[in-house]
């Protein structure tokens, strides 16, 4: 004879299994950090972890679309997975592909946390940000040791041997923050940016404490111990604004330019700046003030 508790117990178990599957597959629009993994899973349906395989496994979180060979969804120790919504972690492995708007990224592993809203891509992390279709725009390509994608905003942070290429410009740094909405890159940690030689123009290398680049317009703001090296010319100062389309750099703050070949040294007037035409290999002292449009390069939260 069946005990009175058998049917309710089975019903509760079935409800738990159903809730677990739903949590793995759907997320609340009110919580953009909740990850949404498609497909059936194996594992402990009460405590997790849940394992997903597919061709490929597909998942979404906020505006991120993820594909991988395998995925694991886990809850904090001691917390049933059906009660851990917003606190879970998801680990993806094998042929990772992530897309968000015009950004696409790939790597060998992706670790995502619902608590932080960060997805950390590693193992040959690389990303491409496509131009908006405007004439003359180039894609932005990024490679790094690891790349963290923030689901709360369209910002990625790359660290370790960072390389950014944008047309003839190549940036290198220890850290890169890239804002997809503003198409703005911030490079720190011994950053430099190289504009490749073109036509009669020699290669130009700009370095400083911090490099900020608007990748669509290919304009730069570099500050802190700035150095511009082009052929035999070396120009130094406190900050520089460089416009690639106009082939001109404006160097401010204790600006000095030395030509090792001609032995000519040029200094900016106390109230002025140096204008360097990179297409003409010509530096001209200007006896007026130049104000760098710093506001154009403001990161989120700085305005």
Protein backbone atom coordinates (compact mmCIF):
# COMPACT_ATOMS: atom_id res chain seq x y z
CA UNK A 1 0.00 0.00 0.00
CA UNK A 2 1.39 3.45 -0.99
CA UNK A 3 1.99 5.98 1.73
CA UNK A 4 0.12 9.30 1.60
CA UNK A 5 3.41 11.18 0.98
CA UNK A 6 4.42 9.32 -2.19
CA UNK A 7 2.41 11.37 -4.70
CA UNK A 8 3.31 14.78 -3.25
CA UNK A 9 6.98 13.77 -3.07
CA UNK A 10 6.98 12.72 -6.71
CA UNK A 11 5.16 15.90 -7.66
CA UNK A 12 7.74 18.00 -5.84
CA UNK A 13 10.59 16.15 -7.52
CA UNK A 14 9.00 16.60 -10.95
CA UNK A 15 8.45 20.31 -10.25
CA UNK A 16 12.09 20.66 -9.22
CA UNK A 17 13.30 18.98 -12.41
CA UNK A 18 11.07 21.18 -14.53
CA UNK A 19 12.17 24.34 -12.74
CA UNK A 20 15.82 23.41 -13.19
CA UNK A 21 15.40 22.95 -16.94
CA UNK A 22 13.54 26.24 -17.24
CA UNK A 23 16.22 28.09 -15.29
CA UNK A 24 18.89 26.65 -17.55
CA UNK A 25 17.02 27.70 -20.65
CA UNK A 26 15.26 30.95 -19.83
CA UNK A 27 16.06 34.15 -18.03
CA UNK A 28 14.09 37.08 -16.72
CA UNK A 29 14.16 40.26 -18.80
CA UNK A 30 14.47 42.13 -15.50
CA UNK A 31 17.84 40.57 -14.80
CA UNK A 32 20.14 40.94 -17.78
CA UNK A 33 22.92 38.97 -16.05
CA UNK A 34 20.98 35.69 -15.93
CA UNK A 35 22.38 33.29 -18.49
CA UNK A 36 20.20 31.25 -20.77
CA UNK A 37 21.63 27.90 -22.00
CA UNK A 38 19.63 25.98 -24.59
CA UNK A 39 19.15 22.23 -24.74
CA UNK A 40 18.90 19.21 -22.47
CA UNK A 41 21.39 18.69 -19.68
CA UNK A 42 22.91 15.92 -17.60
CA UNK A 43 24.08 16.03 -14.00
CA UNK A 44 22.52 16.45 -10.58
CA UNK A 45 19.30 18.29 -11.33
CA UNK A 46 18.94 19.48 -7.76
CA UNK A 47 22.41 20.68 -6.81
CA UNK A 48 24.18 20.78 -10.18
CA UNK A 49 26.42 21.15 -11.96
CA UNK A 50 24.49 20.70 -15.18
CA UNK A 51 26.42 19.67 -18.29
CA UNK A 52 25.40 20.66 -21.81
CA UNK A 53 26.72 19.35 -25.11
CA UNK A 54 25.63 20.14 -28.62
CA UNK A 55 26.60 21.01 -32.16
CA UNK A 56 27.10 23.64 -30.86
CA UNK A 57 25.80 24.50 -27.38
CA UNK A 58 24.03 27.86 -27.61
CA UNK A 59 23.49 30.40 -24.85
CA UNK A 60 22.44 34.00 -24.41
CA UNK A 61 23.00 36.54 -21.67
CA UNK A 62 21.79 40.08 -22.20
CA UNK A 63 22.91 40.97 -25.75
CA UNK A 64 25.68 38.34 -25.86
CA UNK A 65 25.18 35.28 -28.05
CA UNK A 66 27.48 32.37 -27.16
CA UNK A 67 28.30 29.15 -29.01
CA UNK A 68 30.63 26.42 -27.78
CA UNK A 69 31.24 22.67 -27.89
CA UNK A 70 30.45 22.17 -24.18
CA UNK A 71 29.04 24.10 -21.25
CA UNK A 72 28.65 23.59 -17.49
CA UNK A 73 26.23 25.49 -15.28
CA UNK A 74 26.97 25.46 -11.54
CA UNK A 75 25.57 26.94 -8.33
CA UNK A 76 27.47 28.07 -5.21
CA UNK A 77 28.31 25.22 -2.86
CA UNK A 78 25.39 24.32 -0.63
CA UNK A 79 22.81 26.15 -2.77
CA UNK A 80 20.31 24.15 -4.82
CA UNK A 81 20.65 25.15 -8.46
CA UNK A 82 16.91 25.87 -8.69
CA UNK A 83 17.39 28.57 -6.02
CA UNK A 84 20.69 29.99 -7.32
CA UNK A 85 19.38 32.20 -10.10
CA UNK A 86 21.65 35.26 -10.37
CA UNK A 87 24.46 33.54 -8.45
CA UNK A 88 25.50 30.83 -10.90
CA UNK A 89 28.59 30.36 -13.01
CA UNK A 90 28.77 29.00 -16.53
CA UNK A 91 31.92 27.61 -18.12
CA UNK A 92 32.17 27.06 -21.85
CA UNK A 93 34.94 25.21 -23.70
CA UNK A 94 35.85 24.31 -27.26
CA UNK A 95 35.45 26.57 -30.31
CA UNK A 96 34.00 29.52 -28.40
CA UNK A 97 32.24 32.12 -30.52
CA UNK A 98 30.65 35.20 -28.95
CA UNK A 99 28.74 37.92 -30.78
CA UNK A 100 27.24 41.23 -29.67
CA UNK A 101 26.12 43.72 -32.27
CA UNK A 102 29.10 44.45 -34.50
CA UNK A 103 31.52 42.65 -32.15
CA UNK A 104 32.52 39.01 -32.60
CA UNK A 105 35.01 37.22 -30.35
CA UNK A 106 36.53 33.77 -30.08
CA UNK A 107 38.75 31.71 -27.79
CA UNK A 108 39.20 28.29 -26.20
CA UNK A 109 37.44 28.96 -22.88
CA UNK A 110 34.80 31.31 -21.51
CA UNK A 111 33.98 31.67 -17.81
CA UNK A 112 30.84 33.63 -16.98
CA UNK A 113 29.57 34.83 -13.58
CA UNK A 114 25.99 35.99 -13.04
CA UNK A 115 27.17 37.87 -9.94
CA UNK A 116 29.69 40.07 -11.78
CA UNK A 117 28.09 40.04 -15.21
CA UNK A 118 31.53 39.36 -16.68
CA UNK A 119 32.40 36.75 -19.27
CA UNK A 120 36.15 36.10 -19.36
CA UNK A 121 37.43 34.71 -22.64
CA UNK A 122 40.86 33.02 -22.68
CA UNK A 123 43.00 30.75 -24.81
CA UNK A 124 43.80 32.70 -27.95
CA UNK A 125 41.29 35.45 -27.17
CA UNK A 126 40.56 37.53 -30.26
CA UNK A 127 37.82 39.92 -31.30
CA UNK A 128 36.76 41.89 -34.36
CA UNK A 129 34.60 45.00 -34.30
CA UNK A 130 33.10 45.62 -37.72
CA UNK A 131 32.72 49.13 -39.18
CA UNK A 132 29.24 50.60 -39.54
CA UNK A 133 29.39 50.63 -43.32
CA UNK A 134 30.60 54.21 -43.70
CA UNK A 135 33.04 54.69 -46.54
CA UNK A 136 36.68 54.25 -45.59
CA UNK A 137 36.10 52.67 -42.19
CA UNK A 138 38.26 49.72 -41.14
CA UNK A 139 37.49 46.83 -38.78
CA UNK A 140 39.10 46.89 -35.35
CA UNK A 141 40.92 43.66 -34.50
CA UNK A 142 41.99 42.85 -30.93
CA UNK A 143 44.11 39.98 -29.57
CA UNK A 144 45.12 39.43 -25.93
CA UNK A 145 45.84 36.79 -23.29
CA UNK A 146 42.31 37.24 -21.98
CA UNK A 147 39.29 39.37 -22.71
CA UNK A 148 36.46 40.23 -20.32
CA UNK A 149 33.06 41.11 -21.79
CA UNK A 150 30.74 43.14 -19.56
CA UNK A 151 27.03 42.37 -20.09
CA UNK A 152 25.91 45.52 -18.24
CA UNK A 153 27.32 47.68 -21.04
CA UNK A 154 29.01 47.24 -24.38
CA UNK A 155 32.54 47.37 -22.98
CA UNK A 156 35.34 44.81 -23.16
CA UNK A 157 38.57 44.77 -21.17
CA UNK A 158 41.58 42.93 -22.62
CA UNK A 159 44.79 42.20 -20.73
CA UNK A 160 48.15 40.61 -21.45
CA UNK A 161 50.09 41.24 -24.66
CA UNK A 162 47.27 43.34 -26.10
CA UNK A 163 47.38 44.20 -29.79
CA UNK A 164 44.82 46.39 -31.56
CA UNK A 165 44.87 46.97 -35.31
CA UNK A 166 42.73 49.53 -37.13
CA UNK A 167 43.70 50.09 -40.74
CA UNK A 168 47.31 51.35 -40.76
CA UNK A 169 47.28 51.91 -36.98
CA UNK A 170 48.54 49.26 -34.56
CA UNK A 171 48.32 49.72 -30.80
CA UNK A 172 50.14 47.65 -28.18
CA UNK A 173 49.65 47.70 -24.42
CA UNK A 174 49.26 45.65 -21.26
CA UNK A 175 45.58 46.60 -20.96
CA UNK A 176 42.87 47.75 -23.34
CA UNK A 177 39.38 49.00 -22.54
CA UNK A 178 37.18 49.20 -25.64
CA UNK A 179 33.79 50.92 -25.66
CA UNK A 180 31.78 49.58 -28.60
CA UNK A 181 29.17 52.35 -28.43
CA UNK A 182 31.68 55.21 -28.57
CA UNK A 183 34.21 53.24 -30.67
CA UNK A 184 36.79 54.38 -28.15
CA UNK A 185 39.90 52.48 -27.07
CA UNK A 186 41.97 53.18 -23.95
CA UNK A 187 45.43 51.59 -23.83
CA UNK A 188 47.49 51.58 -20.64
CA UNK A 189 50.58 49.79 -19.35
CA UNK A 190 53.50 50.88 -21.57
CA UNK A 191 51.17 51.66 -24.50
CA UNK A 192 52.27 52.68 -27.97
CA UNK A 193 50.59 53.24 -31.29
CA UNK A 194 52.27 52.78 -34.66
CA UNK A 195 51.00 54.30 -37.90
CA UNK A 196 52.52 52.30 -40.74
CA UNK A 197 54.53 53.99 -43.44
CA UNK A 198 52.47 55.00 -46.45
CA UNK A 199 53.52 56.77 -49.63
CA UNK A 200 56.36 59.15 -48.79
CA UNK A 201 55.48 59.11 -45.09
CA UNK A 202 57.77 57.19 -42.79
CA UNK A 203 56.47 55.02 -39.97
CA UNK A 204 55.22 57.02 -36.98
CA UNK A 205 55.37 55.68 -33.41
CA UNK A 206 53.57 57.50 -30.59
CA UNK A 207 53.95 56.46 -26.94
CA UNK A 208 53.02 57.82 -23.53
CA UNK A 209 51.47 56.86 -20.20
CA UNK A 210 48.00 56.49 -21.73
CA UNK A 211 46.72 56.28 -25.30
CA UNK A 212 43.09 56.91 -26.21
CA UNK A 213 41.93 56.30 -29.76
CA UNK A 214 38.64 56.98 -31.52
CA UNK A 215 38.81 54.12 -33.99
CA UNK A 216 36.23 55.45 -36.46
CA UNK A 217 37.89 58.85 -36.98
CA UNK A 218 41.41 57.48 -36.27
CA UNK A 219 42.19 60.36 -33.93
CA UNK A 220 44.37 59.96 -30.85
CA UNK A 221 44.84 61.62 -27.49
CA UNK A 222 48.06 60.57 -25.77
CA UNK A 223 49.22 61.94 -22.43
CA UNK A 224 52.08 61.53 -19.97
CA UNK A 225 55.68 61.60 -21.20
CA UNK A 226 54.60 61.68 -24.82
CA UNK A 227 57.09 60.74 -27.55
CA UNK A 228 56.61 60.82 -31.33
CA UNK A 229 59.28 59.15 -33.44
CA UNK A 230 59.26 59.46 -37.23
CA UNK A 231 62.44 58.93 -39.18
CA UNK A 232 65.14 61.13 -37.70
CA UNK A 233 62.62 63.32 -35.82
CA UNK A 234 61.81 62.76 -32.15
CA UNK A 235 59.23 65.05 -30.56
CA UNK A 236 58.39 65.01 -26.86
CA UNK A 237 55.85 66.77 -24.66
CA UNK A 238 53.17 66.32 -22.02
CA UNK A 239 50.33 65.44 -24.40
CA UNK A 240 49.48 65.14 -28.09
CA UNK A 241 46.40 65.13 -30.31
CA UNK A 242 46.91 63.30 -33.59
CA UNK A 243 44.58 63.32 -36.60
CA UNK A 244 45.48 60.53 -39.01
CA UNK A 245 43.26 61.82 -41.83
CA UNK A 246 44.92 65.25 -41.72
CA UNK A 247 48.43 63.86 -41.06
CA UNK A 248 49.01 66.33 -38.24
CA UNK A 249 49.97 66.13 -34.57
CA UNK A 250 49.64 68.92 -32.01
CA UNK A 251 52.13 68.51 -29.15
CA UNK A 252 51.54 70.57 -25.99
CA UNK A 253 53.32 71.04 -22.67
CA UNK A 254 57.12 71.45 -22.75
CA UNK A 255 57.14 70.39 -26.39
CA UNK A 256 60.56 69.82 -27.98
CA UNK A 257 61.50 68.31 -31.34
CA UNK A 258 64.99 67.08 -32.23
CA UNK A 259 66.15 66.00 -35.68
CA UNK A 260 69.12 63.69 -35.25
CA UNK A 261 70.05 64.06 -38.91
CA UNK A 262 69.98 67.85 -39.33
CA UNK A 263 70.85 68.50 -35.65
CA UNK A 264 68.01 71.03 -35.49
CA UNK A 265 66.14 71.45 -32.19
CA UNK A 266 62.76 73.20 -32.06
CA UNK A 267 60.99 74.25 -28.87
CA UNK A 268 57.44 75.41 -28.43
CA UNK A 269 57.02 78.92 -27.02
CA UNK A 270 55.99 79.07 -23.37
CA UNK A 271 52.42 79.87 -24.41
CA UNK A 272 52.42 77.75 -27.54
CA UNK A 273 52.76 74.25 -29.00
CA UNK A 274 54.42 72.30 -31.79
CA UNK A 275 52.58 71.34 -34.94
CA UNK A 276 54.03 68.27 -36.63
CA UNK A 277 53.00 67.48 -40.19
CA UNK A 278 53.66 63.77 -40.51
CA UNK A 279 53.18 63.80 -44.29
CA UNK A 280 55.75 66.58 -44.82
CA UNK A 281 58.24 65.64 -42.05
CA UNK A 282 57.93 69.22 -40.84
CA UNK A 283 57.68 70.60 -37.30
CA UNK A 284 56.55 74.18 -36.70
CA UNK A 285 56.49 76.09 -33.39
CA UNK A 286 53.18 77.92 -32.86
CA UNK A 287 52.96 80.97 -30.60
CA UNK A 288 49.38 80.38 -29.49
CA UNK A 289 47.49 78.05 -27.24
CA UNK A 290 46.17 74.71 -28.51
CA UNK A 291 43.48 72.95 -26.50
CA UNK A 292 43.20 69.21 -27.04
CA UNK A 293 39.51 68.14 -27.36
CA UNK A 294 39.79 65.85 -24.35
CA UNK A 295 36.01 65.55 -23.94
CA UNK A 296 35.80 63.56 -27.18
CA UNK A 297 37.89 60.84 -25.54
CA UNK A 298 35.96 60.58 -22.27
CA UNK A 299 35.29 57.06 -20.99
CA UNK A 300 32.01 56.04 -19.37
CA UNK A 301 31.55 57.81 -16.06
CA UNK A 302 34.05 60.58 -16.84
CA UNK A 303 31.54 63.04 -18.28
